Protein backbone atom coordinates (compact mmCIF):
# COMPACT_ATOMS: atom_id res chain seq x y z
CA UNK A 1 -70.00 -1.46 -120.71
CA UNK A 2 -68.64 -0.23 -124.02
CA UNK A 3 -70.38 2.55 -125.91
CA UNK A 4 -71.37 0.01 -128.57
CA UNK A 5 -72.83 -2.28 -125.91
CA UNK A 6 -74.64 0.65 -124.34
CA UNK A 7 -76.15 1.62 -127.72
CA UNK A 8 -77.41 -1.94 -128.16
CA UNK A 9 -78.86 -1.96 -124.63
CA UNK A 10 -80.62 1.35 -125.29
CA UNK A 11 -82.09 0.06 -128.56
CA UNK A 12 -83.35 -3.10 -126.85
CA UNK A 13 -84.84 -1.02 -124.04
CA UNK A 14 -86.65 1.19 -126.56
CA UNK A 15 -88.05 -1.88 -128.33
CA UNK A 16 -89.22 -3.32 -125.01
CA UNK A 17 -90.89 -0.02 -124.13
CA UNK A 18 -92.80 -0.03 -127.41
CA UNK A 19 -93.83 -3.64 -126.79
CA UNK A 20 -95.26 -2.69 -123.39
CA UNK A 21 -97.13 0.23 -124.98
CA UNK A 22 -98.64 -2.14 -127.55
CA UNK A 23 -99.51 -4.67 -124.85
CA UNK A 24 -101.18 -1.92 -122.84
CA UNK A 25 -103.27 -0.87 -125.84
CA UNK A 26 -104.22 -4.51 -126.43
CA UNK A 27 -105.25 -4.78 -122.77
CA UNK A 28 -107.54 -1.78 -123.16
CA UNK A 29 -109.14 -3.31 -126.25
CA UNK A 30 -109.50 -6.68 -124.54
CA UNK A 31 -111.19 -5.07 -121.54
CA UNK A 32 -113.71 -3.45 -123.86
CA UNK A 33 -114.30 -6.77 -125.61
CA UNK A 34 -114.71 -8.49 -122.24
CA UNK A 35 -117.39 -5.99 -121.22
CA UNK A 36 -119.15 -6.41 -124.58
CA UNK A 37 -118.99 -10.19 -124.36
CA UNK A 38 -120.39 -10.28 -120.84
CA UNK A 39 -123.14 -7.78 -121.72
CA UNK A 40 -124.13 -9.88 -124.73
CA UNK A 41 -124.20 -13.08 -122.71
CA UNK A 42 -126.29 -11.43 -119.99
CA UNK A 43 -128.78 -10.03 -122.53
CA UNK A 44 -129.11 -13.46 -124.14
CA UNK A 45 -129.59 -15.04 -120.73
CA UNK A 46 -126.80 -17.49 -121.44
CA UNK A 47 -124.22 -16.27 -118.94
CA UNK A 48 -123.55 -18.86 -116.33
CA UNK A 49 -121.32 -18.05 -113.41
CA UNK A 50 -118.78 -20.61 -114.65
CA UNK A 51 -118.59 -18.95 -118.06
CA UNK A 52 -118.21 -15.50 -116.51
CA UNK A 53 -115.46 -16.84 -114.25
CA UNK A 54 -113.61 -18.25 -117.26
CA UNK A 55 -113.86 -14.91 -119.11
CA UNK A 56 -112.70 -13.00 -116.03
CA UNK A 57 -109.82 -15.42 -115.44
CA UNK A 58 -108.60 -15.01 -119.02
CA UNK A 59 -108.55 -11.22 -118.75
CA UNK A 60 -106.98 -11.27 -115.29
CA UNK A 61 -104.21 -13.55 -116.55
CA UNK A 62 -103.51 -11.12 -119.39
CA UNK A 63 -103.39 -8.14 -117.03
CA UNK A 64 -101.05 -10.02 -114.68
CA UNK A 65 -98.77 -10.88 -117.60
CA UNK A 66 -98.65 -7.22 -118.62
CA UNK A 67 -97.88 -6.14 -115.05
CA UNK A 68 -94.98 -8.61 -114.91
CA UNK A 69 -93.68 -7.34 -118.26
CA UNK A 70 -93.77 -3.77 -116.92
CA UNK A 71 -91.87 -4.85 -113.80
CA UNK A 72 -89.17 -6.45 -115.96
CA UNK A 73 -88.98 -3.32 -118.09
CA UNK A 74 -88.52 -1.15 -114.98
CA UNK A 75 -85.73 -3.44 -113.81
CA UNK A 76 -84.06 -3.22 -117.22
CA UNK A 77 -84.40 0.57 -117.11
CA UNK A 78 -82.55 0.68 -113.78
CA UNK A 79 -79.85 -1.59 -115.20
CA UNK A 80 -79.55 0.58 -118.30
CA UNK A 81 -79.24 3.72 -116.18
CA UNK A 82 -76.43 2.09 -114.19
CA UNK A 83 -74.69 1.12 -117.43
CA UNK A 84 -75.04 4.67 -118.74
CA UNK A 85 -73.55 6.04 -115.54
CA UNK A 86 -70.62 3.64 -115.62
CA UNK A 87 -70.02 4.46 -119.31
CA UNK A 88 -69.81 8.15 -118.43
CA UNK A 89 -67.31 7.53 -115.62
């Protein structure tokens, strides 16, 4: 990979890393909101098991999406490290 291509790959990797950091922060906020929502529904006596399941499924889907994004980022990091090594050789 050329030095120019490597610089582009590094910039894209940095952007992806920031995106994962933002997604992680959003996950934390969503988990807090989930807890607040469930607590409110329980206090109001309006939480049915189906509604709780839907809320839990939404948050689980989001966490799974974030985990997959992190896996892709780790793969890209390994690829970038290989490209760096080959550029140095």
